[in-house]
Amino acid sequence: AGEALLVIKRSNLETIAKLMDMQGQ
């Protein structure tokens, strides 16, 4: 057993939103 952890910088999520073409606040 184990645990997977994804470490994501919140201020970089806007880049992902643009790449995924996701609109909104």
PDBML (XML) file of the C-alpha atoms, coordinates in Angstrom:
<?xml version="1.0" encoding="UTF-8" ?>
<PDBx:datablock datablockName="MODEL"
   xmlns:PDBx="http://pdbml.pdb.org/schema/pdbx-v50.xsd"
   xmlns:xsi="http://www.w3.org/2001/XMLSchema-instance"
   xsi:schemaLocation="http://pdbml.pdb.org/schema/pdbx-v50.xsd pdbx-v50.xsd">
   <PDBx:atom_siteCategory>
      <PDBx:atom_site id="1">
         <PDBx:B_iso_or_equiv>0.00</PDBx:B_iso_or_equiv>
         <PDBx:Cartn_x>0.000</PDBx:Cartn_x>
         <PDBx:Cartn_y>0.000</PDBx:Cartn_y>
         <PDBx:Cartn_z>0.000</PDBx:Cartn_z>
         <PDBx:auth_asym_id>A</PDBx:auth_asym_id>
         <PDBx:auth_atom_id>CA</PDBx:auth_atom_id>
         <PDBx:auth_comp_id>ALA</PDBx:auth_comp_id>
         <PDBx:auth_seq_id>1</PDBx:auth_seq_id>
         <PDBx:group_PDB>ATOM</PDBx:group_PDB>
         <PDBx:label_alt_id xsi:nil="true" />
         <PDBx:label_asym_id>A</PDBx:label_asym_id>
         <PDBx:label_atom_id>CA</PDBx:label_atom_id>
         <PDBx:label_comp_id>ALA</PDBx:label_comp_id>
         <PDBx:label_entity_id>1</PDBx:label_entity_id>
         <PDBx:label_seq_id>1</PDBx:label_seq_id>
         <PDBx:occupancy>1.00</PDBx:occupancy>
         <PDBx:pdbx_PDB_model_num>1</PDBx:pdbx_PDB_model_num>
         <PDBx:type_symbol>C</PDBx:type_symbol>
      </PDBx:atom_site>
      <PDBx:atom_site id="2">
         <PDBx:B_iso_or_equiv>0.00</PDBx:B_iso_or_equiv>
         <PDBx:Cartn_x>1.048</PDBx:Cartn_x>
         <PDBx:Cartn_y>3.585</PDBx:Cartn_y>
         <PDBx:Cartn_z>-0.242</PDBx:Cartn_z>
         <PDBx:auth_asym_id>A</PDBx:auth_asym_id>
         <PDBx:auth_atom_id>CA</PDBx:auth_atom_id>
         <PDBx:auth_comp_id>GLY</PDBx:auth_comp_id>
         <PDBx:auth_seq_id>2</PDBx:auth_seq_id>
         <PDBx:group_PDB>ATOM</PDBx:group_PDB>
         <PDBx:label_alt_id xsi:nil="true" />
         <PDBx:label_asym_id>A</PDBx:label_asym_id>
         <PDBx:label_atom_id>CA</PDBx:label_atom_id>
         <PDBx:label_comp_id>GLY</PDBx:label_comp_id>
         <PDBx:label_entity_id>1</PDBx:label_entity_id>
         <PDBx:label_seq_id>2</PDBx:label_seq_id>
         <PDBx:occupancy>1.00</PDBx:occupancy>
         <PDBx:pdbx_PDB_model_num>1</PDBx:pdbx_PDB_model_num>
         <PDBx:type_symbol>C</PDBx:type_symbol>
      </PDBx:atom_site>
      <PDBx:atom_site id="3">
         <PDBx:B_iso_or_equiv>0.00</PDBx:B_iso_or_equiv>
         <PDBx:Cartn_x>0.149</PDBx:Cartn_x>
         <PDBx:Cartn_y>7.138</PDBx:Cartn_y>
         <PDBx:Cartn_z>-1.069</PDBx:Cartn_z>
         <PDBx:auth_asym_id>A</PDBx:auth_asym_id>
         <PDBx:auth_atom_id>CA</PDBx:auth_atom_id>
         <PDBx:auth_comp_id>GLU</PDBx:auth_comp_id>
         <PDBx:auth_seq_id>3</PDBx:auth_seq_id>
         <PDBx:group_PDB>ATOM</PDBx:group_PDB>
         <PDBx:label_alt_id xsi:nil="true" />
         <PDBx:label_asym_id>A</PDBx:label_asym_id>
         <PDBx:label_atom_id>CA</PDBx:label_atom_id>
         <PDBx:label_comp_id>GLU</PDBx:label_comp_id>
         <PDBx:label_entity_id>1</PDBx:label_entity_id>
         <PDBx:label_seq_id>3</PDBx:label_seq_id>
         <PDBx:occupancy>1.00</PDBx:occupancy>
         <PDBx:pdbx_PDB_model_num>1</PDBx:pdbx_PDB_model_num>
         <PDBx:type_symbol>C</PDBx:type_symbol>
      </PDBx:atom_site>
      <PDBx:atom_site id="4">
         <PDBx:B_iso_or_equiv>0.00</PDBx:B_iso_or_equiv>
         <PDBx:Cartn_x>0.676</PDBx:Cartn_x>
         <PDBx:Cartn_y>9.240</PDBx:Cartn_y>
         <PDBx:Cartn_z>-4.175</PDBx:Cartn_z>
         <PDBx:auth_asym_id>A</PDBx:auth_asym_id>
         <PDBx:auth_atom_id>CA</PDBx:auth_atom_id>
         <PDBx:auth_comp_id>ALA</PDBx:auth_comp_id>
         <PDBx:auth_seq_id>4</PDBx:auth_seq_id>
         <PDBx:group_PDB>ATOM</PDBx:group_PDB>
         <PDBx:label_alt_id xsi:nil="true" />
         <PDBx:label_asym_id>A</PDBx:label_asym_id>
         <PDBx:label_atom_id>CA</PDBx:label_atom_id>
         <PDBx:label_comp_id>ALA</PDBx:label_comp_id>
         <PDBx:label_entity_id>1</PDBx:label_entity_id>
         <PDBx:label_seq_id>4</PDBx:label_seq_id>
         <PDBx:occupancy>1.00</PDBx:occupancy>
         <PDBx:pdbx_PDB_model_num>1</PDBx:pdbx_PDB_model_num>
         <PDBx:type_symbol>C</PDBx:type_symbol>
      </PDBx:atom_site>
      <PDBx:atom_site id="5">
         <PDBx:B_iso_or_equiv>0.00</PDBx:B_iso_or_equiv>
         <PDBx:Cartn_x>0.987</PDBx:Cartn_x>
         <PDBx:Cartn_y>12.999</PDBx:Cartn_y>
         <PDBx:Cartn_z>-3.715</PDBx:Cartn_z>
         <PDBx:auth_asym_id>A</PDBx:auth_asym_id>
         <PDBx:auth_atom_id>CA</PDBx:auth_atom_id>
         <PDBx:auth_comp_id>LEU</PDBx:auth_comp_id>
         <PDBx:auth_seq_id>5</PDBx:auth_seq_id>
         <PDBx:group_PDB>ATOM</PDBx:group_PDB>
         <PDBx:label_alt_id xsi:nil="true" />
         <PDBx:label_asym_id>A</PDBx:label_asym_id>
         <PDBx:label_atom_id>CA</PDBx:label_atom_id>
         <PDBx:label_comp_id>LEU</PDBx:label_comp_id>
         <PDBx:label_entity_id>1</PDBx:label_entity_id>
         <PDBx:label_seq_id>5</PDBx:label_seq_id>
         <PDBx:occupancy>1.00</PDBx:occupancy>
         <PDBx:pdbx_PDB_model_num>1</PDBx:pdbx_PDB_model_num>
         <PDBx:type_symbol>C</PDBx:type_symbol>
      </PDBx:atom_site>
      <PDBx:atom_site id="6">
         <PDBx:B_iso_or_equiv>0.00</PDBx:B_iso_or_equiv>
         <PDBx:Cartn_x>0.887</PDBx:Cartn_x>
         <PDBx:Cartn_y>15.579</PDBx:Cartn_y>
         <PDBx:Cartn_z>-6.473</PDBx:Cartn_z>
         <PDBx:auth_asym_id>A</PDBx:auth_asym_id>
         <PDBx:auth_atom_id>CA</PDBx:auth_atom_id>
         <PDBx:auth_comp_id>LEU</PDBx:auth_comp_id>
         <PDBx:auth_seq_id>6</PDBx:auth_seq_id>
         <PDBx:group_PDB>ATOM</PDBx:group_PDB>
         <PDBx:label_alt_id xsi:nil="true" />
         <PDBx:label_asym_id>A</PDBx:label_asym_id>
         <PDBx:label_atom_id>CA</PDBx:label_atom_id>
         <PDBx:label_comp_id>LEU</PDBx:label_comp_id>
         <PDBx:label_entity_id>1</PDBx:label_entity_id>
         <PDBx:label_seq_id>6</PDBx:label_seq_id>
         <PDBx:occupancy>1.00</PDBx:occupancy>
         <PDBx:pdbx_PDB_model_num>1</PDBx:pdbx_PDB_model_num>
         <PDBx:type_symbol>C</PDBx:type_symbol>
      </PDBx:atom_site>
      <PDBx:atom_site id="7">
         <PDBx:B_iso_or_equiv>0.00</PDBx:B_iso_or_equiv>
         <PDBx:Cartn_x>2.484</PDBx:Cartn_x>
         <PDBx:Cartn_y>18.905</PDBx:Cartn_y>
         <PDBx:Cartn_z>-5.479</PDBx:Cartn_z>
         <PDBx:auth_asym_id>A</PDBx:auth_asym_id>
         <PDBx:auth_atom_id>CA</PDBx:auth_atom_id>
         <PDBx:auth_comp_id>VAL</PDBx:auth_comp_id>
         <PDBx:auth_seq_id>7</PDBx:auth_seq_id>
         <PDBx:group_PDB>ATOM</PDBx:group_PDB>
         <PDBx:label_alt_id xsi:nil="true" />
         <PDBx:label_asym_id>A</PDBx:label_asym_id>
         <PDBx:label_atom_id>CA</PDBx:label_atom_id>
         <PDBx:label_comp_id>VAL</PDBx:label_comp_id>
         <PDBx:label_entity_id>1</PDBx:label_entity_id>
         <PDBx:label_seq_id>7</PDBx:label_seq_id>
         <PDBx:occupancy>1.00</PDBx:occupancy>
         <PDBx:pdbx_PDB_model_num>1</PDBx:pdbx_PDB_model_num>
         <PDBx:type_symbol>C</PDBx:type_symbol>
      </PDBx:atom_site>
      <PDBx:atom_site id="8">
         <PDBx:B_iso_or_equiv>0.00</PDBx:B_iso_or_equiv>
         <PDBx:Cartn_x>0.998</PDBx:Cartn_x>
         <PDBx:Cartn_y>21.770</PDBx:Cartn_y>
         <PDBx:Cartn_z>-7.521</PDBx:Cartn_z>
         <PDBx:auth_asym_id>A</PDBx:auth_asym_id>
         <PDBx:auth_atom_id>CA</PDBx:auth_atom_id>
         <PDBx:auth_comp_id>ILE</PDBx:auth_comp_id>
         <PDBx:auth_seq_id>8</PDBx:auth_seq_id>
         <PDBx:group_PDB>ATOM</PDBx:group_PDB>
         <PDBx:label_alt_id xsi:nil="true" />
         <PDBx:label_asym_id>A</PDBx:label_asym_id>
         <PDBx:label_atom_id>CA</PDBx:label_atom_id>
         <PDBx:label_comp_id>ILE</PDBx:label_comp_id>
         <PDBx:label_entity_id>1</PDBx:label_entity_id>
         <PDBx:label_seq_id>8</PDBx:label_seq_id>
         <PDBx:occupancy>1.00</PDBx:occupancy>
         <PDBx:pdbx_PDB_model_num>1</PDBx:pdbx_PDB_model_num>
         <PDBx:type_symbol>C</PDBx:type_symbol>
      </PDBx:atom_site>
      <PDBx:atom_site id="9">
         <PDBx:B_iso_or_equiv>0.00</PDBx:B_iso_or_equiv>
         <PDBx:Cartn_x>1.720</PDBx:Cartn_x>
         <PDBx:Cartn_y>25.488</PDBx:Cartn_y>
         <PDBx:Cartn_z>-7.325</PDBx:Cartn_z>
         <PDBx:auth_asym_id>A</PDBx:auth_asym_id>
         <PDBx:auth_atom_id>CA</PDBx:auth_atom_id>
         <PDBx:auth_comp_id>LYS</PDBx:auth_comp_id>
         <PDBx:auth_seq_id>9</PDBx:auth_seq_id>
         <PDBx:group_PDB>ATOM</PDBx:group_PDB>
         <PDBx:label_alt_id xsi:nil="true" />
         <PDBx:label_asym_id>A</PDBx:label_asym_id>
         <PDBx:label_atom_id>CA</PDBx:label_atom_id>
         <PDBx:label_comp_id>LYS</PDBx:label_comp_id>
         <PDBx:label_entity_id>1</PDBx:label_entity_id>
         <PDBx:label_seq_id>9</PDBx:label_seq_id>
         <PDBx:occupancy>1.00</PDBx:occupancy>
         <PDBx:pdbx_PDB_model_num>1</PDBx:pdbx_PDB_model_num>
         <PDBx:type_symbol>C</PDBx:type_symbol>
      </PDBx:atom_site>
      <PDBx:atom_site id="10">
         <PDBx:B_iso_or_equiv>0.00</PDBx:B_iso_or_equiv>
         <PDBx:Cartn_x>-1.605</PDBx:Cartn_x>
         <PDBx:Cartn_y>27.311</PDBx:Cartn_y>
         <PDBx:Cartn_z>-7.207</PDBx:Cartn_z>
         <PDBx:auth_asym_id>A</PDBx:auth_asym_id>
         <PDBx:auth_atom_id>CA</PDBx:auth_atom_id>
         <PDBx:auth_comp_id>ARG</PDBx:auth_comp_id>
         <PDBx:auth_seq_id>10</PDBx:auth_seq_id>
         <PDBx:group_PDB>ATOM</PDBx:group_PDB>
         <PDBx:label_alt_id xsi:nil="true" />
         <PDBx:label_asym_id>A</PDBx:label_asym_id>
         <PDBx:label_atom_id>CA</PDBx:label_atom_id>
         <PDBx:label_comp_id>ARG</PDBx:label_comp_id>
         <PDBx:label_entity_id>1</PDBx:label_entity_id>
         <PDBx:label_seq_id>10</PDBx:label_seq_id>
         <PDBx:occupancy>1.00</PDBx:occupancy>
         <PDBx:pdbx_PDB_model_num>1</PDBx:pdbx_PDB_model_num>
         <PDBx:type_symbol>C</PDBx:type_symbol>
      </PDBx:atom_site>
      <PDBx:atom_site id="11">
         <PDBx:B_iso_or_equiv>0.00</PDBx:B_iso_or_equiv>
         <PDBx:Cartn_x>-0.347</PDBx:Cartn_x>
         <PDBx:Cartn_y>30.395</PDBx:Cartn_y>
         <PDBx:Cartn_z>-9.032</PDBx:Cartn_z>
         <PDBx:auth_asym_id>A</PDBx:auth_asym_id>
         <PDBx:auth_atom_id>CA</PDBx:auth_atom_id>
         <PDBx:auth_comp_id>SER</PDBx:auth_comp_id>
         <PDBx:auth_seq_id>11</PDBx:auth_seq_id>
         <PDBx:group_PDB>ATOM</PDBx:group_PDB>
         <PDBx:label_alt_id xsi:nil="true" />
         <PDBx:label_asym_id>A</PDBx:label_asym_id>
         <PDBx:label_atom_id>CA</PDBx:label_atom_id>
         <PDBx:label_comp_id>SER</PDBx:label_comp_id>
         <PDBx:label_entity_id>1</PDBx:label_entity_id>
         <PDBx:label_seq_id>11</PDBx:label_seq_id>
         <PDBx:occupancy>1.00</PDBx:occupancy>
         <PDBx:pdbx_PDB_model_num>1</PDBx:pdbx_PDB_model_num>
         <PDBx:type_symbol>C</PDBx:type_symbol>
      </PDBx:atom_site>
      <PDBx:atom_site id="12">
         <PDBx:B_iso_or_equiv>0.00</PDBx:B_iso_or_equiv>
         <PDBx:Cartn_x>0.575</PDBx:Cartn_x>
         <PDBx:Cartn_y>28.181</PDBx:Cartn_y>
         <PDBx:Cartn_z>-12.017</PDBx:Cartn_z>
         <PDBx:auth_asym_id>A</PDBx:auth_asym_id>
         <PDBx:auth_atom_id>CA</PDBx:auth_atom_id>
         <PDBx:auth_comp_id>ASN</PDBx:auth_comp_id>
         <PDBx:auth_seq_id>12</PDBx:auth_seq_id>
         <PDBx:group_PDB>ATOM</PDBx:group_PDB>
         <PDBx:label_alt_id xsi:nil="true" />
         <PDBx:label_asym_id>A</PDBx:label_asym_id>
         <PDBx:label_atom_id>CA</PDBx:label_atom_id>
         <PDBx:label_comp_id>ASN</PDBx:label_comp_id>
         <PDBx:label_entity_id>1</PDBx:label_entity_id>
         <PDBx:label_seq_id>12</PDBx:label_seq_id>
         <PDBx:occupancy>1.00</PDBx:occupancy>
         <PDBx:pdbx_PDB_model_num>1</PDBx:pdbx_PDB_model_num>
         <PDBx:type_symbol>C</PDBx:type_symbol>
      </PDBx:atom_site>
      <PDBx:atom_site id="13">
         <PDBx:B_iso_or_equiv>0.00</PDBx:B_iso_or_equiv>
         <PDBx:Cartn_x>-2.899</PDBx:Cartn_x>
         <PDBx:Cartn_y>26.761</PDBx:Cartn_y>
         <PDBx:Cartn_z>-12.454</PDBx:Cartn_z>
         <PDBx:auth_asym_id>A</PDBx:auth_asym_id>
         <PDBx:auth_atom_id>CA</PDBx:auth_atom_id>
         <PDBx:auth_comp_id>LEU</PDBx:auth_comp_id>
         <PDBx:auth_seq_id>13</PDBx:auth_seq_id>
         <PDBx:group_PDB>ATOM</PDBx:group_PDB>
         <PDBx:label_alt_id xsi:nil="true" />
         <PDBx:label_asym_id>A</PDBx:label_asym_id>
         <PDBx:label_atom_id>CA</PDBx:label_atom_id>
         <PDBx:label_comp_id>LEU</PDBx:label_comp_id>
         <PDBx:label_entity_id>1</PDBx:label_entity_id>
         <PDBx:label_seq_id>13</PDBx:label_seq_id>
         <PDBx:occupancy>1.00</PDBx:occupancy>
         <PDBx:pdbx_PDB_model_num>1</PDBx:pdbx_PDB_model_num>
         <PDBx:type_symbol>C</PDBx:type_symbol>
      </PDBx:atom_site>
      <PDBx:atom_site id="14">
         <PDBx:B_iso_or_equiv>0.00</PDBx:B_iso_or_equiv>
         <PDBx:Cartn_x>-3.873</PDBx:Cartn_x>
         <PDBx:Cartn_y>29.617</PDBx:Cartn_y>
         <PDBx:Cartn_z>-14.759</PDBx:Cartn_z>
         <PDBx:auth_asym_id>A</PDBx:auth_asym_id>
         <PDBx:auth_atom_id>CA</PDBx:auth_atom_id>
         <PDBx:auth_comp_id>GLU</PDBx:auth_comp_id>
         <PDBx:auth_seq_id>14</PDBx:auth_seq_id>
         <PDBx:group_PDB>ATOM</PDBx:group_PDB>
         <PDBx:label_alt_id xsi:nil="true" />
         <PDBx:label_asym_id>A</PDBx:label_asym_id>
         <PDBx:label_atom_id>CA</PDBx:label_atom_id>
         <PDBx:label_comp_id>GLU</PDBx:label_comp_id>
         <PDBx:label_entity_id>1</PDBx:label_entity_id>
         <PDBx:label_seq_id>14</PDBx:label_seq_id>
         <PDBx:occupancy>1.00</PDBx:occupancy>
         <PDBx:pdbx_PDB_model_num>1</PDBx:pdbx_PDB_model_num>
         <PDBx:type_symbol>C</PDBx:type_symbol>
      </PDBx:atom_site>
      <PDBx:atom_site id="15">
         <PDBx:B_iso_or_equiv>0.00</PDBx:B_iso_or_equiv>
         <PDBx:Cartn_x>-1.417</PDBx:Cartn_x>
         <PDBx:Cartn_y>28.176</PDBx:Cartn_y>
         <PDBx:Cartn_z>-17.306</PDBx:Cartn_z>
         <PDBx:auth_asym_id>A</PDBx:auth_asym_id>
         <PDBx:auth_atom_id>CA</PDBx:auth_atom_id>
         <PDBx:auth_comp_id>THR</PDBx:auth_comp_id>
         <PDBx:auth_seq_id>15</PDBx:auth_seq_id>
         <PDBx:group_PDB>ATOM</PDBx:group_PDB>
         <PDBx:label_alt_id xsi:nil="true" />
         <PDBx:label_asym_id>A</PDBx:label_asym_id>
         <PDBx:label_atom_id>CA</PDBx:label_atom_id>
         <PDBx:label_comp_id>THR</PDBx:label_comp_id>
         <PDBx:label_entity_id>1</PDBx:label_entity_id>
         <PDBx:label_seq_id>15</PDBx:label_seq_id>
         <PDBx:occupancy>1.00</PDBx:occupancy>
         <PDBx:pdbx_PDB_model_num>1</PDBx:pdbx_PDB_model_num>
         <PDBx:type_symbol>C</PDBx:type_symbol>
      </PDBx:atom_site>
      <PDBx:atom_site id="16">
         <PDBx:B_iso_or_equiv>0.00</PDBx:B_iso_or_equiv>
         <PDBx:Cartn_x>-3.170</PDBx:Cartn_x>
         <PDBx:Cartn_y>24.800</PDBx:Cartn_y>
         <PDBx:Cartn_z>-17.118</PDBx:Cartn_z>
         <PDBx:auth_asym_id>A</PDBx:auth_asym_id>
         <PDBx:auth_atom_id>CA</PDBx:auth_atom_id>
         <PDBx:auth_comp_id>ILE</PDBx:auth_comp_id>
         <PDBx:auth_seq_id>16</PDBx:auth_seq_id>
         <PDBx:group_PDB>ATOM</PDBx:group_PDB>
         <PDBx:label_alt_id xsi:nil="true" />
         <PDBx:label_asym_id>A</PDBx:label_asym_id>
         <PDBx:label_atom_id>CA</PDBx:label_atom_id>
         <PDBx:label_comp_id>ILE</PDBx:label_comp_id>
         <PDBx:label_entity_id>1</PDBx:label_entity_id>
         <PDBx:label_seq_id>16</PDBx:label_seq_id>
         <PDBx:occupancy>1.00</PDBx:occupancy>
         <PDBx:pdbx_PDB_model_num>1</PDBx:pdbx_PDB_model_num>
         <PDBx:type_symbol>C</PDBx:type_symbol>
      </PDBx:atom_site>
      <PDBx:atom_site id="17">
         <PDBx:B_iso_or_equiv>0.00</PDBx:B_iso_or_equiv>
         <PDBx:Cartn_x>-6.570</PDBx:Cartn_x>
         <PDBx:Cartn_y>26.459</PDBx:Cartn_y>
         <PDBx:Cartn_z>-17.502</PDBx:Cartn_z>
         <PDBx:auth_asym_id>A</PDBx:auth_asym_id>
         <PDBx:auth_atom_id>CA</PDBx:auth_atom_id>
         <PDBx:auth_comp_id>ALA</PDBx:auth_comp_id>
         <PDBx:auth_seq_id>17</PDBx:auth_seq_id>
         <PDBx:group_PDB>ATOM</PDBx:group_PDB>
         <PDBx:label_alt_id xsi:nil="true" />
         <PDBx:label_asym_id>A</PDBx:label_asym_id>
         <PDBx:label_atom_id>CA</PDBx:label_atom_id>
         <PDBx:label_comp_id>ALA</PDBx:label_comp_id>
         <PDBx:label_entity_id>1</PDBx:label_entity_id>
         <PDBx:label_seq_id>17</PDBx:label_seq_id>
         <PDBx:occupancy>1.00</PDBx:occupancy>
         <PDBx:pdbx_PDB_model_num>1</PDBx:pdbx_PDB_model_num>
         <PDBx:type_symbol>C</PDBx:type_symbol>
      </PDBx:atom_site>
      <PDBx:atom_site id="18">
         <PDBx:B_iso_or_equiv>0.00</PDBx:B_iso_or_equiv>
         <PDBx:Cartn_x>-5.412</PDBx:Cartn_x>
         <PDBx:Cartn_y>28.123</PDBx:Cartn_y>
         <PDBx:Cartn_z>-20.730</PDBx:Cartn_z>
         <PDBx:auth_asym_id>A</PDBx:auth_asym_id>
         <PDBx:auth_atom_id>CA</PDBx:auth_atom_id>
         <PDBx:auth_comp_id>LYS</PDBx:auth_comp_id>
         <PDBx:auth_seq_id>18</PDBx:auth_seq_id>
         <PDBx:group_PDB>ATOM</PDBx:group_PDB>
         <PDBx:label_alt_id xsi:nil="true" />
         <PDBx:label_asym_id>A</PDBx:label_asym_id>
         <PDBx:label_atom_id>CA</PDBx:label_atom_id>
         <PDBx:label_comp_id>LYS</PDBx:label_comp_id>
         <PDBx:label_entity_id>1</PDBx:label_entity_id>
         <PDBx:label_seq_id>18</PDBx:label_seq_id>
         <PDBx:occupancy>1.00</PDBx:occupancy>
         <PDBx:pdbx_PDB_model_num>1</PDBx:pdbx_PDB_model_num>
         <PDBx:type_symbol>C</PDBx:type_symbol>
      </PDBx:atom_site>
      <PDBx:atom_site id="19">
         <PDBx:B_iso_or_equiv>0.00</PDBx:B_iso_or_equiv>
         <PDBx:Cartn_x>-3.940</PDBx:Cartn_x>
         <PDBx:Cartn_y>24.892</PDBx:Cartn_y>
         <PDBx:Cartn_z>-22.094</PDBx:Cartn_z>
         <PDBx:auth_asym_id>A</PDBx:auth_asym_id>
         <PDBx:auth_atom_id>CA</PDBx:auth_atom_id>
         <PDBx:auth_comp_id>LEU</PDBx:auth_comp_id>
         <PDBx:auth_seq_id>19</PDBx:auth_seq_id>
         <PDBx:group_PDB>ATOM</PDBx:group_PDB>
         <PDBx:label_alt_id xsi:nil="true" />
         <PDBx:label_asym_id>A</PDBx:label_asym_id>
         <PDBx:label_atom_id>CA</PDBx:label_atom_id>
         <PDBx:label_comp_id>LEU</PDBx:label_comp_id>
         <PDBx:label_entity_id>1</PDBx:label_entity_id>
         <PDBx:label_seq_id>19</PDBx:label_seq_id>
         <PDBx:occupancy>1.00</PDBx:occupancy>
         <PDBx:pdbx_PDB_model_num>1</PDBx:pdbx_PDB_model_num>
         <PDBx:type_symbol>C</PDBx:type_symbol>
      </PDBx:atom_site>
      <PDBx:atom_site id="20">
         <PDBx:B_iso_or_equiv>0.00</PDBx:B_iso_or_equiv>
         <PDBx:Cartn_x>-7.181</PDBx:Cartn_x>
         <PDBx:Cartn_y>23.048</PDBx:Cartn_y>
         <PDBx:Cartn_z>-21.325</PDBx:Cartn_z>
         <PDBx:auth_asym_id>A</PDBx:auth_asym_id>
         <PDBx:auth_atom_id>CA</PDBx:auth_atom_id>
         <PDBx:auth_comp_id>MET</PDBx:auth_comp_id>
         <PDBx:auth_seq_id>20</PDBx:auth_seq_id>
         <PDBx:group_PDB>ATOM</PDBx:group_PDB>
         <PDBx:label_alt_id xsi:nil="true" />
         <PDBx:label_asym_id>A</PDBx:label_asym_id>
         <PDBx:label_atom_id>CA</PDBx:label_atom_id>
         <PDBx:label_comp_id>MET</PDBx:label_comp_id>
         <PDBx:label_entity_id>1</PDBx:label_entity_id>
         <PDBx:label_seq_id>20</PDBx:label_seq_id>
         <PDBx:occupancy>1.00</PDBx:occupancy>
         <PDBx:pdbx_PDB_model_num>1</PDBx:pdbx_PDB_model_num>
         <PDBx:type_symbol>C</PDBx:type_symbol>
      </PDBx:atom_site>
      <PDBx:atom_site id="21">
         <PDBx:B_iso_or_equiv>0.00</PDBx:B_iso_or_equiv>
         <PDBx:Cartn_x>-9.247</PDBx:Cartn_x>
         <PDBx:Cartn_y>25.965</PDBx:Cartn_y>
         <PDBx:Cartn_z>-22.655</PDBx:Cartn_z>
         <PDBx:auth_asym_id>A</PDBx:auth_asym_id>
         <PDBx:auth_atom_id>CA</PDBx:auth_atom_id>
         <PDBx:auth_comp_id>ASP</PDBx:auth_comp_id>
         <PDBx:auth_seq_id>21</PDBx:auth_seq_id>
         <PDBx:group_PDB>ATOM</PDBx:group_PDB>
         <PDBx:label_alt_id xsi:nil="true" />
         <PDBx:label_asym_id>A</PDBx:label_asym_id>
         <PDBx:label_atom_id>CA</PDBx:label_atom_id>
         <PDBx:label_comp_id>ASP</PDBx:label_comp_id>
         <PDBx:label_entity_id>1</PDBx:label_entity_id>
         <PDBx:label_seq_id>21</PDBx:label_seq_id>
         <PDBx:occupancy>1.00</PDBx:occupancy>
         <PDBx:pdbx_PDB_model_num>1</PDBx:pdbx_PDB_model_num>
         <PDBx:type_symbol>C</PDBx:type_symbol>
      </PDBx:atom_site>
      <PDBx:atom_site id="22">
         <PDBx:B_iso_or_equiv>0.00</PDBx:B_iso_or_equiv>
         <PDBx:Cartn_x>-11.229</PDBx:Cartn_x>
         <PDBx:Cartn_y>26.171</PDBx:Cartn_y>
         <PDBx:Cartn_z>-19.405</PDBx:Cartn_z>
         <PDBx:auth_asym_id>A</PDBx:auth_asym_id>
         <PDBx:auth_atom_id>CA</PDBx:auth_atom_id>
         <PDBx:auth_comp_id>MET</PDBx:auth_comp_id>
         <PDBx:auth_seq_id>22</PDBx:auth_seq_id>
         <PDBx:group_PDB>ATOM</PDBx:group_PDB>
         <PDBx:label_alt_id xsi:nil="true" />
         <PDBx:label_asym_id>A</PDBx:label_asym_id>
         <PDBx:label_atom_id>CA</PDBx:label_atom_id>
         <PDBx:label_comp_id>MET</PDBx:label_comp_id>
         <PDBx:label_entity_id>1</PDBx:label_entity_id>
         <PDBx:label_seq_id>22</PDBx:label_seq_id>
         <PDBx:occupancy>1.00</PDBx:occupancy>
         <PDBx:pdbx_PDB_model_num>1</PDBx:pdbx_PDB_model_num>
         <PDBx:type_symbol>C</PDBx:type_symbol>
      </PDBx:atom_site>
      <PDBx:atom_site id="23">
         <PDBx:B_iso_or_equiv>0.00</PDBx:B_iso_or_equiv>
         <PDBx:Cartn_x>-13.102</PDBx:Cartn_x>
         <PDBx:Cartn_y>29.418</PDBx:Cartn_y>
         <PDBx:Cartn_z>-18.762</PDBx:Cartn_z>
         <PDBx:auth_asym_id>A</PDBx:auth_asym_id>
         <PDBx:auth_atom_id>CA</PDBx:auth_atom_id>
         <PDBx:auth_comp_id>GLN</PDBx:auth_comp_id>
         <PDBx:auth_seq_id>23</PDBx:auth_seq_id>
         <PDBx:group_PDB>ATOM</PDBx:group_PDB>
         <PDBx:label_alt_id xsi:nil="true" />
         <PDBx:label_asym_id>A</PDBx:label_asym_id>
         <PDBx:label_atom_id>CA</PDBx:label_atom_id>
         <PDBx:label_comp_id>GLN</PDBx:label_comp_id>
         <PDBx:label_entity_id>1</PDBx:label_entity_id>
         <PDBx:label_seq_id>23</PDBx:label_seq_id>
         <PDBx:occupancy>1.00</PDBx:occupancy>
         <PDBx:pdbx_PDB_model_num>1</PDBx:pdbx_PDB_model_num>
         <PDBx:type_symbol>C</PDBx:type_symbol>
      </PDBx:atom_site>
      <PDBx:atom_site id="24">
         <PDBx:B_iso_or_equiv>0.00</PDBx:B_iso_or_equiv>
         <PDBx:Cartn_x>-14.156</PDBx:Cartn_x>
         <PDBx:Cartn_y>30.932</PDBx:Cartn_y>
         <PDBx:Cartn_z>-15.450</PDBx:Cartn_z>
         <PDBx:auth_asym_id>A</PDBx:auth_asym_id>
         <PDBx:auth_atom_id>CA</PDBx:auth_atom_id>
         <PDBx:auth_comp_id>GLY</PDBx:auth_comp_id>
         <PDBx:auth_seq_id>24</PDBx:auth_seq_id>
         <PDBx:group_PDB>ATOM</PDBx:group_PDB>
         <PDBx:label_alt_id xsi:nil="true" />
         <PDBx:label_asym_id>A</PDBx:label_asym_id>
         <PDBx:label_atom_id>CA</PDBx:label_atom_id>
         <PDBx:label_comp_id>GLY</PDBx:label_comp_id>
         <PDBx:label_entity_id>1</PDBx:label_entity_id>
         <PDBx:label_seq_id>24</PDBx:label_seq_id>
         <PDBx:occupancy>1.00</PDBx:occupancy>
         <PDBx:pdbx_PDB_model_num>1</PDBx:pdbx_PDB_model_num>
         <PDBx:type_symbol>C</PDBx:type_symbol>
      </PDBx:atom_site>
      <PDBx:atom_site id="25">
         <PDBx:B_iso_or_equiv>0.00</PDBx:B_iso_or_equiv>
         <PDBx:Cartn_x>-12.816</PDBx:Cartn_x>
         <PDBx:Cartn_y>32.398</PDBx:Cartn_y>
         <PDBx:Cartn_z>-12.211</PDBx:Cartn_z>
         <PDBx:auth_asym_id>A</PDBx:auth_asym_id>
         <PDBx:auth_atom_id>CA</PDBx:auth_atom_id>
         <PDBx:auth_comp_id>GLN</PDBx:auth_comp_id>
         <PDBx:auth_seq_id>25</PDBx:auth_seq_id>
         <PDBx:group_PDB>ATOM</PDBx:group_PDB>
         <PDBx:label_alt_id xsi:nil="true" />
         <PDBx:label_asym_id>A</PDBx:label_asym_id>
         <PDBx:label_atom_id>CA</PDBx:label_atom_id>
         <PDBx:label_comp_id>GLN</PDBx:label_comp_id>
         <PDBx:label_entity_id>1</PDBx:label_entity_id>
         <PDBx:label_seq_id>25</PDBx:label_seq_id>
         <PDBx:occupancy>1.00</PDBx:occupancy>
         <PDBx:pdbx_PDB_model_num>1</PDBx:pdbx_PDB_model_num>
         <PDBx:type_symbol>C</PDBx:type_symbol>
      </PDBx:atom_site>
   </PDBx:atom_siteCategory>
</PDBx:datablock>
